[in-house]
Amino acid sequence: MSQAQALVQESWVDVCTLDEILPNTAVCAMVDGQQIAIVRSGAQLYAVDNFDPFSRAFVMSRGIVGDRRGRPMIASPIYKHAFDLQTGACVDDPTVSLRVFAVRVRHGRVEVCERR
């Protein structure tokens, strides 16, 4: 482990119950002062920036959840740019991406990883 890796500390932040996120929808959570969209696509959970870089608005949690060729996506509700939920890459403009965050379910609660 490098010194830089040793300086990064991870902690998990409790967000909500899994039941509070309906399948194929998203919710917004404030984690360490930043808005994160928690997306439930089928049985999987993903966490990405809530900030849409095209409209410059915090709206991704209101986006359209689906897939393209089997890859889970969320489309901005404003200009409809689609983002890969696994990588954060915009499929319509590969020069743009969303940050992705680790997310897990423990004891029925959704947690997002916060890195410092």
C-alpha atoms as a PDB file:
ATOM      1  CA  MET A   1       0.000   0.000   0.000  1.00  0.00           C
ATOM      2  CA  SER A   2       1.421   3.400  -0.968  1.00  0.00           C
ATOM      3  CA  GLN A   3       1.529   6.372   1.386  1.00  0.00           C
ATOM      4  CA  ALA A   4      -1.179   8.113  -0.670  1.00  0.00           C
ATOM      5  CA  GLN A   5      -3.463   5.089  -0.331  1.00  0.00           C
ATOM      6  CA  ALA A   6      -2.782   4.930   3.399  1.00  0.00           C
ATOM      7  CA  LEU A   7      -3.920   8.560   3.791  1.00  0.00           C
ATOM      8  CA  VAL A   8      -7.329   7.869   2.220  1.00  0.00           C
ATOM      9  CA  GLN A   9      -9.821   6.896   4.879  1.00  0.00           C
ATOM     10  CA  GLU A  10     -13.147   5.316   4.074  1.00  0.00           C
ATOM     11  CA  SER A  11     -16.265   5.499   6.149  1.00  0.00           C
ATOM     12  CA  TRP A  12     -19.773   4.404   5.283  1.00  0.00           C
ATOM     13  CA  VAL A  13     -22.672   6.828   5.678  1.00  0.00           C
ATOM     14  CA  ASP A  14     -26.164   5.511   6.390  1.00  0.00           C
ATOM     15  CA  VAL A  15     -28.614   6.991   3.864  1.00  0.00           C
ATOM     16  CA  CYS A  16     -31.995   5.237   4.056  1.00  0.00           C
ATOM     17  CA  THR A  17     -33.685   1.858   4.037  1.00  0.00           C
ATOM     18  CA  LEU A  18     -33.558  -0.149   0.827  1.00  0.00           C
ATOM     19  CA  ASP A  19     -37.365  -0.139   0.751  1.00  0.00           C
ATOM     20  CA  GLU A  20     -37.341   3.662   0.446  1.00  0.00           C
ATOM     21  CA  ILE A  21     -35.842   3.386  -3.053  1.00  0.00           C
ATOM     22  CA  LEU A  22     -38.353   1.868  -5.451  1.00  0.00           C
ATOM     23  CA  PRO A  23     -36.952  -0.343  -8.233  1.00  0.00           C
ATOM     24  CA  ASN A  24     -35.848   1.641 -11.305  1.00  0.00           C
ATOM     25  CA  THR A  25     -35.884   4.982  -9.482  1.00  0.00           C
ATOM     26  CA  ALA A  26     -33.374   7.160  -7.658  1.00  0.00           C
ATOM     27  CA  VAL A  27     -33.227   9.296  -4.532  1.00  0.00           C
ATOM     28  CA  CYS A  28     -30.945  12.142  -3.548  1.00  0.00           C
ATOM     29  CA  ALA A  29     -28.824  11.988  -0.397  1.00  0.00           C
ATOM     30  CA  MET A  30     -26.499  14.526   1.174  1.00  0.00           C
ATOM     31  CA  VAL A  31     -23.210  12.771   1.980  1.00  0.00           C
ATOM     32  CA  ASP A  32     -20.325  14.779   3.408  1.00  0.00           C
ATOM     33  CA  GLY A  33     -21.778  18.011   2.007  1.00  0.00           C
ATOM     34  CA  GLN A  34     -22.320  16.700  -1.516  1.00  0.00           C
ATOM     35  CA  GLN A  35     -25.497  15.598  -3.271  1.00  0.00           C
ATOM     36  CA  ILE A  36     -25.400  11.998  -4.446  1.00  0.00           C
ATOM     37  CA  ALA A  37     -28.018  10.174  -6.507  1.00  0.00           C
ATOM     38  CA  ILE A  38     -28.636   6.662  -5.174  1.00  0.00           C
ATOM     39  CA  VAL A  39     -30.069   4.615  -8.040  1.00  0.00           C
ATOM     40  CA  ARG A  40     -31.869   1.293  -7.798  1.00  0.00           C
ATOM     41  CA  SER A  41     -31.723  -0.402 -11.181  1.00  0.00           C
ATOM     42  CA  GLY A  42     -33.420  -3.769 -10.928  1.00  0.00           C
ATOM     43  CA  ALA A  43     -31.832  -5.497  -7.935  1.00  0.00           C
ATOM     44  CA  GLN A  44     -28.607  -3.431  -8.078  1.00  0.00           C
ATOM     45  CA  LEU A  45     -27.730  -0.152  -6.372  1.00  0.00           C
ATOM     46  CA  TYR A  46     -25.468   2.548  -7.781  1.00  0.00           C
ATOM     47  CA  ALA A  47     -24.360   5.946  -6.500  1.00  0.00           C
ATOM     48  CA  VAL A  48     -23.356   8.851  -8.760  1.00  0.00           C
ATOM     49  CA  ASP A  49     -23.120  12.637  -8.596  1.00  0.00           C
ATOM     50  CA  ASN A  50     -26.522  14.293  -8.460  1.00  0.00           C
ATOM     51  CA  PHE A  51     -25.075  17.182 -10.514  1.00  0.00           C
ATOM     52  CA  ASP A  52     -25.867  17.089 -14.244  1.00  0.00           C
ATOM     53  CA  PRO A  53     -22.831  18.628 -15.995  1.00  0.00           C
ATOM     54  CA  PHE A  54     -24.864  19.584 -19.082  1.00  0.00           C
ATOM     55  CA  SER A  55     -27.716  21.504 -17.438  1.00  0.00           C
ATOM     56  CA  ARG A  56     -25.546  22.455 -14.452  1.00  0.00           C
ATOM     57  CA  ALA A  57     -28.375  21.492 -12.090  1.00  0.00           C
ATOM     58  CA  PHE A  58     -28.655  18.969  -9.249  1.00  0.00           C
ATOM     59  CA  VAL A  59     -31.236  16.728 -10.935  1.00  0.00           C
ATOM     60  CA  MET A  60     -29.781  13.287 -11.690  1.00  0.00           C
ATOM     61  CA  SER A  61     -31.852  11.672  -8.925  1.00  0.00           C
ATOM     62  CA  ARG A  62     -34.928  12.676 -10.954  1.00  0.00           C
ATOM     63  CA  GLY A  63     -33.552  11.017 -14.067  1.00  0.00           C
ATOM     64  CA  ILE A  64     -34.870   8.160 -16.149  1.00  0.00           C
ATOM     65  CA  VAL A  65     -33.447   4.796 -15.037  1.00  0.00           C
ATOM     66  CA  GLY A  66     -33.002   2.080 -17.646  1.00  0.00           C
ATOM     67  CA  ASP A  67     -30.336   0.364 -19.711  1.00  0.00           C
ATOM     68  CA  ARG A  68     -28.622   0.419 -23.081  1.00  0.00           C
ATOM     69  CA  ARG A  69     -27.557  -2.934 -24.456  1.00  0.00           C
ATOM     70  CA  GLY A  70     -27.708  -4.408 -20.964  1.00  0.00           C
ATOM     71  CA  ARG A  71     -25.668  -1.637 -19.284  1.00  0.00           C
ATOM     72  CA  PRO A  72     -27.497   0.180 -16.444  1.00  0.00           C
ATOM     73  CA  MET A  73     -28.026   3.871 -17.238  1.00  0.00           C
ATOM     74  CA  ILE A  74     -29.588   7.020 -15.899  1.00  0.00           C
ATOM     75  CA  ALA A  75     -30.653   9.823 -18.244  1.00  0.00           C
ATOM     76  CA  SER A  76     -30.776  13.428 -17.121  1.00  0.00           C
ATOM     77  CA  PRO A  77     -34.351  14.675 -16.852  1.00  0.00           C
ATOM     78  CA  ILE A  78     -33.388  17.933 -18.576  1.00  0.00           C
ATOM     79  CA  TYR A  79     -31.353  17.229 -21.742  1.00  0.00           C
ATOM     80  CA  LYS A  80     -31.656  13.413 -21.588  1.00  0.00           C
ATOM     81  CA  HIS A  81     -27.904  12.690 -21.719  1.00  0.00           C
ATOM     82  CA  ALA A  82     -27.418   9.095 -20.561  1.00  0.00           C
ATOM     83  CA  PHE A  83     -24.757   8.052 -18.053  1.00  0.00           C
ATOM     84  CA  ASP A  84     -23.449   4.543 -17.378  1.00  0.00           C
ATOM     85  CA  LEU A  85     -24.188   3.807 -13.720  1.00  0.00           C
ATOM     86  CA  GLN A  86     -21.174   1.504 -13.336  1.00  0.00           C
ATOM     87  CA  THR A  87     -18.548   3.913 -14.693  1.00  0.00           C
ATOM     88  CA  GLY A  88     -20.235   7.327 -14.667  1.00  0.00           C
ATOM     89  CA  ALA A  89     -19.300   7.841 -18.347  1.00  0.00           C
ATOM     90  CA  CYS A  90     -21.724   9.753 -20.531  1.00  0.00           C
ATOM     91  CA  VAL A  91     -22.670   7.522 -23.451  1.00  0.00           C
ATOM     92  CA  ASP A  92     -23.659  10.536 -25.546  1.00  0.00           C
ATOM     93  CA  ASP A  93     -20.431  12.495 -24.954  1.00  0.00           C
ATOM     94  CA  PRO A  94     -17.413  10.419 -23.825  1.00  0.00           C
ATOM     95  CA  THR A  95     -15.562  13.543 -22.652  1.00  0.00           C
ATOM     96  CA  VAL A  96     -18.033  13.979 -19.770  1.00  0.00           C
ATOM     97  CA  SER A  97     -18.666  11.755 -16.764  1.00  0.00           C
ATOM     98  CA  LEU A  98     -20.230  11.660 -13.317  1.00  0.00           C
ATOM     99  CA  ARG A  99     -18.317  10.649 -10.209  1.00  0.00           C
ATOM    100  CA  VAL A 100     -19.310   7.225  -8.937  1.00  0.00           C
ATOM    101  CA  PHE A 101     -19.384   6.175  -5.293  1.00  0.00           C
ATOM    102  CA  ALA A 102     -19.344   2.801  -3.598  1.00  0.00           C
ATOM    103  CA  VAL A 103     -22.742   1.810  -2.224  1.00  0.00           C
ATOM    104  CA  ARG A 104     -23.883  -1.208  -0.231  1.00  0.00           C
ATOM    105  CA  VAL A 105     -26.796  -2.596   1.751  1.00  0.00           C
ATOM    106  CA  ARG A 106     -26.222  -3.694   5.358  1.00  0.00           C
ATOM    107  CA  HIS A 107     -29.056  -4.975   7.497  1.00  0.00           C
ATOM    108  CA  GLY A 108     -31.610  -3.481   5.087  1.00  0.00           C
ATOM    109  CA  ARG A 109     -29.966  -0.019   5.176  1.00  0.00           C
ATOM    110  CA  VAL A 110     -28.332   1.688   2.196  1.00  0.00           C
ATOM    111  CA  GLU A 111     -24.844   3.060   2.880  1.00  0.00           C
ATOM    112  CA  VAL A 112     -22.576   5.197   0.685  1.00  0.00           C
ATOM    113  CA  CYS A 113     -18.801   5.248   1.022  1.00  0.00           C
ATOM    114  CA  GLU A 114     -17.322   8.575   2.006  1.00  0.00           C
ATOM    115  CA  ARG A 115     -13.615   9.054   1.294  1.00  0.00           C
ATOM    116  CA  ARG A 116     -11.458  11.602   3.070  1.00  0.00           C
END
